[in-house]
Amino acid sequence: MLTLDREKRVMLACPPTNVNELLEGLGVPPFVPTVEHSLTQCGDCSTHVWIGPNQRGAAERAPNATLVLCMACALAEQHKRGGGVVGHLGGGGGRPRTVG
């Protein structure tokens, strides 16, 4: 199986579980994971992150071509690469996960 060099892999930036605490007071709408989101760990710092179904699918289909990273590590990686393109894999139509 072909493995891409790190700098050529697609970064899948996932929100850490404390993203709302980090963004508190900035006027950003709160992040609410859906029932389709699951927990995984950042490939660099091991922080727990929410990964959406489209990101999870991409990571499972191409594990040697993707990097699952928390948003902070993804920004650091993007800086090392000298920039990059930010895209969205879609989604956002799932039922909100409720805390019970």
N, C-alpha and C. Protein backbone atom coordinates (compact mmCIF):
# COMPACT_ATOMS: atom_id res chain seq x y z
N MET A 1 0.85 -1.18 0.00
CA MET A 1 0.00 0.00 0.00
C MET A 1 0.89 1.24 0.00
N LEU A 2 0.56 2.18 -0.82
CA LEU A 2 1.32 3.42 -0.93
C LEU A 2 1.04 4.34 0.26
N THR A 3 2.09 4.86 0.86
CA THR A 3 1.96 5.83 1.94
C THR A 3 2.55 7.14 1.48
N LEU A 4 1.75 8.20 1.55
CA LEU A 4 2.23 9.53 1.16
C LEU A 4 3.09 10.12 2.26
N ASP A 5 4.09 10.89 1.86
CA ASP A 5 4.88 11.65 2.83
C ASP A 5 3.94 12.57 3.60
N ARG A 6 4.28 12.84 4.84
CA ARG A 6 3.43 13.65 5.71
C ARG A 6 3.00 14.95 5.06
N GLU A 7 3.92 15.66 4.44
CA GLU A 7 3.61 16.98 3.87
C GLU A 7 2.67 16.91 2.67
N LYS A 8 2.40 15.71 2.16
CA LYS A 8 1.48 15.57 1.04
C LYS A 8 0.13 15.00 1.46
N ARG A 9 0.03 14.62 2.72
CA ARG A 9 -1.24 14.05 3.20
C ARG A 9 -2.29 15.14 3.38
N VAL A 10 -3.53 14.78 3.21
CA VAL A 10 -4.66 15.68 3.44
C VAL A 10 -4.90 15.74 4.94
N MET A 11 -4.99 16.95 5.47
CA MET A 11 -5.26 17.14 6.89
C MET A 11 -6.76 17.17 7.13
N LEU A 12 -7.21 16.40 8.08
CA LEU A 12 -8.60 16.41 8.50
C LEU A 12 -8.62 17.06 9.88
N ALA A 13 -8.92 18.37 9.89
CA ALA A 13 -8.91 19.15 11.14
C ALA A 13 -10.22 18.92 11.88
N CYS A 14 -10.11 18.40 13.09
CA CYS A 14 -11.29 18.04 13.89
C CYS A 14 -11.34 18.91 15.15
N PRO A 15 -12.54 19.33 15.55
CA PRO A 15 -12.65 20.15 16.76
C PRO A 15 -12.37 19.33 18.02
N PRO A 16 -11.55 19.89 18.92
CA PRO A 16 -11.32 19.21 20.19
C PRO A 16 -12.61 19.23 21.01
N THR A 17 -12.70 18.34 21.97
CA THR A 17 -13.92 18.24 22.76
C THR A 17 -14.18 19.50 23.58
N ASN A 18 -13.16 20.33 23.80
CA ASN A 18 -13.35 21.59 24.55
C ASN A 18 -13.39 22.81 23.64
N VAL A 19 -13.74 22.63 22.38
CA VAL A 19 -13.71 23.74 21.42
C VAL A 19 -14.59 24.90 21.86
N ASN A 20 -15.74 24.64 22.46
CA ASN A 20 -16.62 25.73 22.89
C ASN A 20 -16.00 26.54 24.02
N GLU A 21 -15.27 25.90 24.91
CA GLU A 21 -14.56 26.62 25.97
C GLU A 21 -13.47 27.51 25.36
N LEU A 22 -12.77 26.99 24.37
CA LEU A 22 -11.68 27.74 23.74
C LEU A 22 -12.19 28.97 23.00
N LEU A 23 -13.39 28.89 22.45
CA LEU A 23 -13.94 29.98 21.64
C LEU A 23 -14.92 30.87 22.41
N GLU A 24 -15.09 30.59 23.70
CA GLU A 24 -16.05 31.34 24.51
C GLU A 24 -15.73 32.84 24.49
N GLY A 25 -16.76 33.64 24.30
CA GLY A 25 -16.62 35.09 24.31
C GLY A 25 -16.22 35.69 22.97
N LEU A 26 -16.02 34.88 21.95
CA LEU A 26 -15.62 35.38 20.64
C LEU A 26 -16.78 35.60 19.69
N GLY A 27 -17.99 35.29 20.15
CA GLY A 27 -19.17 35.48 19.31
C GLY A 27 -19.34 34.41 18.25
N VAL A 28 -18.64 33.31 18.41
CA VAL A 28 -18.74 32.20 17.46
C VAL A 28 -19.87 31.29 17.91
N PRO A 29 -20.71 30.84 16.98
CA PRO A 29 -21.77 29.92 17.39
C PRO A 29 -21.16 28.66 18.00
N PRO A 30 -21.81 28.08 18.99
CA PRO A 30 -21.26 26.88 19.62
C PRO A 30 -21.23 25.70 18.66
N PHE A 31 -20.21 24.89 18.80
CA PHE A 31 -20.13 23.65 18.03
C PHE A 31 -20.96 22.59 18.75
N VAL A 32 -21.85 21.95 18.02
CA VAL A 32 -22.68 20.89 18.58
C VAL A 32 -22.48 19.65 17.70
N PRO A 33 -21.76 18.66 18.22
CA PRO A 33 -21.58 17.44 17.42
C PRO A 33 -22.91 16.74 17.21
N THR A 34 -23.02 16.06 16.10
CA THR A 34 -24.25 15.31 15.81
C THR A 34 -24.10 13.89 16.32
N VAL A 35 -25.18 13.13 16.26
CA VAL A 35 -25.14 11.74 16.69
C VAL A 35 -24.22 10.92 15.77
N GLU A 36 -23.92 11.43 14.58
CA GLU A 36 -23.03 10.74 13.66
C GLU A 36 -21.54 10.99 13.97
N HIS A 37 -21.25 12.00 14.79
CA HIS A 37 -19.87 12.27 15.19
C HIS A 37 -19.41 11.22 16.21
N SER A 38 -18.13 10.94 16.20
CA SER A 38 -17.57 10.05 17.21
C SER A 38 -16.26 10.64 17.71
N LEU A 39 -15.77 10.09 18.78
CA LEU A 39 -14.51 10.58 19.35
C LEU A 39 -13.34 9.79 18.77
N THR A 40 -12.26 10.51 18.53
CA THR A 40 -10.99 9.91 18.14
C THR A 40 -9.90 10.78 18.75
N GLN A 41 -8.66 10.48 18.44
CA GLN A 41 -7.56 11.26 18.97
C GLN A 41 -6.77 11.91 17.86
N CYS A 42 -6.25 13.11 18.15
CA CYS A 42 -5.36 13.80 17.23
C CYS A 42 -4.13 12.92 17.01
N GLY A 43 -3.72 12.80 15.76
CA GLY A 43 -2.56 12.00 15.43
C GLY A 43 -1.25 12.55 15.94
N ASP A 44 -1.23 13.83 16.32
CA ASP A 44 0.01 14.44 16.82
C ASP A 44 0.05 14.56 18.34
N CYS A 45 -1.00 15.14 18.94
CA CYS A 45 -0.94 15.43 20.38
C CYS A 45 -1.85 14.54 21.22
N SER A 46 -2.62 13.69 20.59
CA SER A 46 -3.52 12.74 21.26
C SER A 46 -4.72 13.39 21.95
N THR A 47 -4.96 14.68 21.72
CA THR A 47 -6.16 15.33 22.25
C THR A 47 -7.39 14.63 21.68
N HIS A 48 -8.42 14.47 22.51
CA HIS A 48 -9.67 13.90 22.02
C HIS A 48 -10.38 14.92 21.14
N VAL A 49 -10.84 14.47 19.99
CA VAL A 49 -11.52 15.33 19.02
C VAL A 49 -12.79 14.65 18.53
N TRP A 50 -13.71 15.49 18.03
CA TRP A 50 -14.92 14.99 17.37
C TRP A 50 -14.60 14.84 15.89
N ILE A 51 -14.88 13.67 15.35
CA ILE A 51 -14.69 13.45 13.92
C ILE A 51 -16.06 13.15 13.32
N GLY A 52 -16.36 13.88 12.25
CA GLY A 52 -17.65 13.70 11.58
C GLY A 52 -17.64 12.48 10.67
N PRO A 53 -18.80 12.08 10.21
CA PRO A 53 -18.89 10.87 9.40
C PRO A 53 -18.13 10.98 8.08
N ASN A 54 -18.12 12.14 7.45
CA ASN A 54 -17.39 12.29 6.18
C ASN A 54 -15.88 12.26 6.40
N GLN A 55 -15.41 12.91 7.47
CA GLN A 55 -13.99 12.86 7.80
C GLN A 55 -13.57 11.44 8.16
N ARG A 56 -14.39 10.78 8.96
CA ARG A 56 -14.09 9.40 9.37
C ARG A 56 -14.02 8.48 8.15
N GLY A 57 -14.95 8.68 7.24
CA GLY A 57 -14.95 7.86 6.02
C GLY A 57 -13.70 8.08 5.19
N ALA A 58 -13.30 9.34 5.05
CA ALA A 58 -12.08 9.64 4.28
C ALA A 58 -10.86 9.02 4.95
N ALA A 59 -10.78 9.13 6.28
CA ALA A 59 -9.65 8.57 7.02
C ALA A 59 -9.61 7.04 6.91
N GLU A 60 -10.77 6.41 6.91
CA GLU A 60 -10.83 4.95 6.81
C GLU A 60 -10.50 4.47 5.40
N ARG A 61 -10.96 5.22 4.39
CA ARG A 61 -10.70 4.82 3.00
C ARG A 61 -9.25 5.06 2.59
N ALA A 62 -8.63 6.08 3.16
CA ALA A 62 -7.27 6.44 2.75
C ALA A 62 -6.39 6.75 3.96
N PRO A 63 -6.15 5.77 4.83
CA PRO A 63 -5.40 6.04 6.06
C PRO A 63 -3.96 6.49 5.81
N ASN A 64 -3.39 6.13 4.68
CA ASN A 64 -2.01 6.50 4.38
C ASN A 64 -1.92 7.79 3.57
N ALA A 65 -3.07 8.44 3.39
CA ALA A 65 -3.09 9.70 2.64
C ALA A 65 -3.72 10.83 3.45
N THR A 66 -4.11 10.54 4.69
CA THR A 66 -4.76 11.54 5.53
C THR A 66 -4.07 11.66 6.87
N LEU A 67 -4.25 12.81 7.51
CA LEU A 67 -3.80 13.06 8.88
C LEU A 67 -5.00 13.55 9.68
N VAL A 68 -5.41 12.82 10.69
CA VAL A 68 -6.48 13.27 11.57
C VAL A 68 -5.82 14.08 12.68
N LEU A 69 -6.11 15.38 12.71
CA LEU A 69 -5.47 16.29 13.65
C LEU A 69 -6.51 17.16 14.35
N CYS A 70 -6.19 17.58 15.58
CA CYS A 70 -7.02 18.59 16.22
C CYS A 70 -6.80 19.90 15.47
N MET A 71 -7.67 20.86 15.66
CA MET A 71 -7.57 22.11 14.92
C MET A 71 -6.24 22.82 15.20
N ALA A 72 -5.76 22.78 16.45
CA ALA A 72 -4.51 23.46 16.79
C ALA A 72 -3.33 22.81 16.05
N CYS A 73 -3.26 21.49 16.05
CA CYS A 73 -2.16 20.81 15.35
C CYS A 73 -2.28 20.99 13.83
N ALA A 74 -3.51 21.04 13.32
CA ALA A 74 -3.71 21.26 11.89
C ALA A 74 -3.21 22.65 11.48
N LEU A 75 -3.46 23.65 12.33
CA LEU A 75 -2.94 25.00 12.04
C LEU A 75 -1.42 25.02 12.06
N ALA A 76 -0.82 24.33 13.03
CA ALA A 76 0.64 24.26 13.10
C ALA A 76 1.20 23.55 11.87
N GLU A 77 0.57 22.48 11.45
CA GLU A 77 1.01 21.74 10.27
C GLU A 77 0.87 22.59 9.01
N GLN A 78 -0.24 23.31 8.92
CA GLN A 78 -0.45 24.19 7.77
C GLN A 78 0.63 25.27 7.73
N HIS A 79 1.00 25.80 8.89
CA HIS A 79 2.05 26.82 8.96
C HIS A 79 3.39 26.23 8.49
N LYS A 80 3.70 25.00 8.92
CA LYS A 80 4.94 24.34 8.48
C LYS A 80 4.97 24.17 6.96
N ARG A 81 3.80 23.95 6.39
CA ARG A 81 3.71 23.73 4.93
C ARG A 81 3.69 25.04 4.15
N GLY A 82 3.63 26.16 4.85
CA GLY A 82 3.61 27.45 4.17
C GLY A 82 2.25 27.85 3.66
N GLY A 83 1.20 27.30 4.22
CA GLY A 83 -0.16 27.64 3.80
C GLY A 83 -0.87 26.41 3.30
N GLY A 84 -2.00 26.63 2.70
CA GLY A 84 -2.77 25.51 2.18
C GLY A 84 -4.17 25.93 1.81
N VAL A 85 -4.92 24.96 1.39
CA VAL A 85 -6.30 25.18 0.98
C VAL A 85 -7.20 24.58 2.05
N VAL A 86 -8.21 25.33 2.45
CA VAL A 86 -9.16 24.83 3.44
C VAL A 86 -10.44 24.46 2.70
N GLY A 87 -10.90 23.27 2.94
CA GLY A 87 -12.13 22.80 2.33
C GLY A 87 -13.06 22.24 3.39
N HIS A 88 -14.24 21.91 2.97
CA HIS A 88 -15.24 21.35 3.87
C HIS A 88 -15.76 20.09 3.22
N LEU A 89 -15.87 19.01 3.98
CA LEU A 89 -16.33 17.75 3.42
C LEU A 89 -17.85 17.63 3.41
N GLY A 90 -18.53 18.71 3.77
CA GLY A 90 -19.99 18.68 3.79
C GLY A 90 -20.48 18.20 5.13
N GLY A 91 -21.67 17.76 5.16
CA GLY A 91 -22.24 17.29 6.43
C GLY A 91 -22.97 18.41 7.13
N GLY A 92 -23.17 18.24 8.39
CA GLY A 92 -23.86 19.24 9.18
C GLY A 92 -25.36 19.06 9.21
N GLY A 93 -25.86 17.99 8.59
CA GLY A 93 -27.30 17.79 8.55
C GLY A 93 -27.82 16.79 9.56
N GLY A 94 -26.93 16.30 10.43
CA GLY A 94 -27.34 15.27 11.39
C GLY A 94 -28.04 15.84 12.59
N ARG A 95 -28.66 14.94 13.36
CA ARG A 95 -29.33 15.34 14.61
C ARG A 95 -28.30 15.76 15.62
N PRO A 96 -28.50 16.87 16.31
CA PRO A 96 -27.56 17.29 17.35
C PRO A 96 -27.47 16.25 18.46
N ARG A 97 -26.25 16.08 18.94
CA ARG A 97 -26.02 15.18 20.08
C ARG A 97 -26.46 15.93 21.32
N THR A 98 -27.24 15.33 22.16
CA THR A 98 -27.70 16.00 23.38
C THR A 98 -26.98 15.41 24.57
N VAL A 99 -26.74 16.28 25.52
CA VAL A 99 -26.11 15.84 26.76
C VAL A 99 -27.23 15.53 27.72
N GLY A 100 -27.23 14.33 28.24
CA GLY A 100 -28.35 13.93 29.07
C GLY A 100 -28.05 13.84 30.46
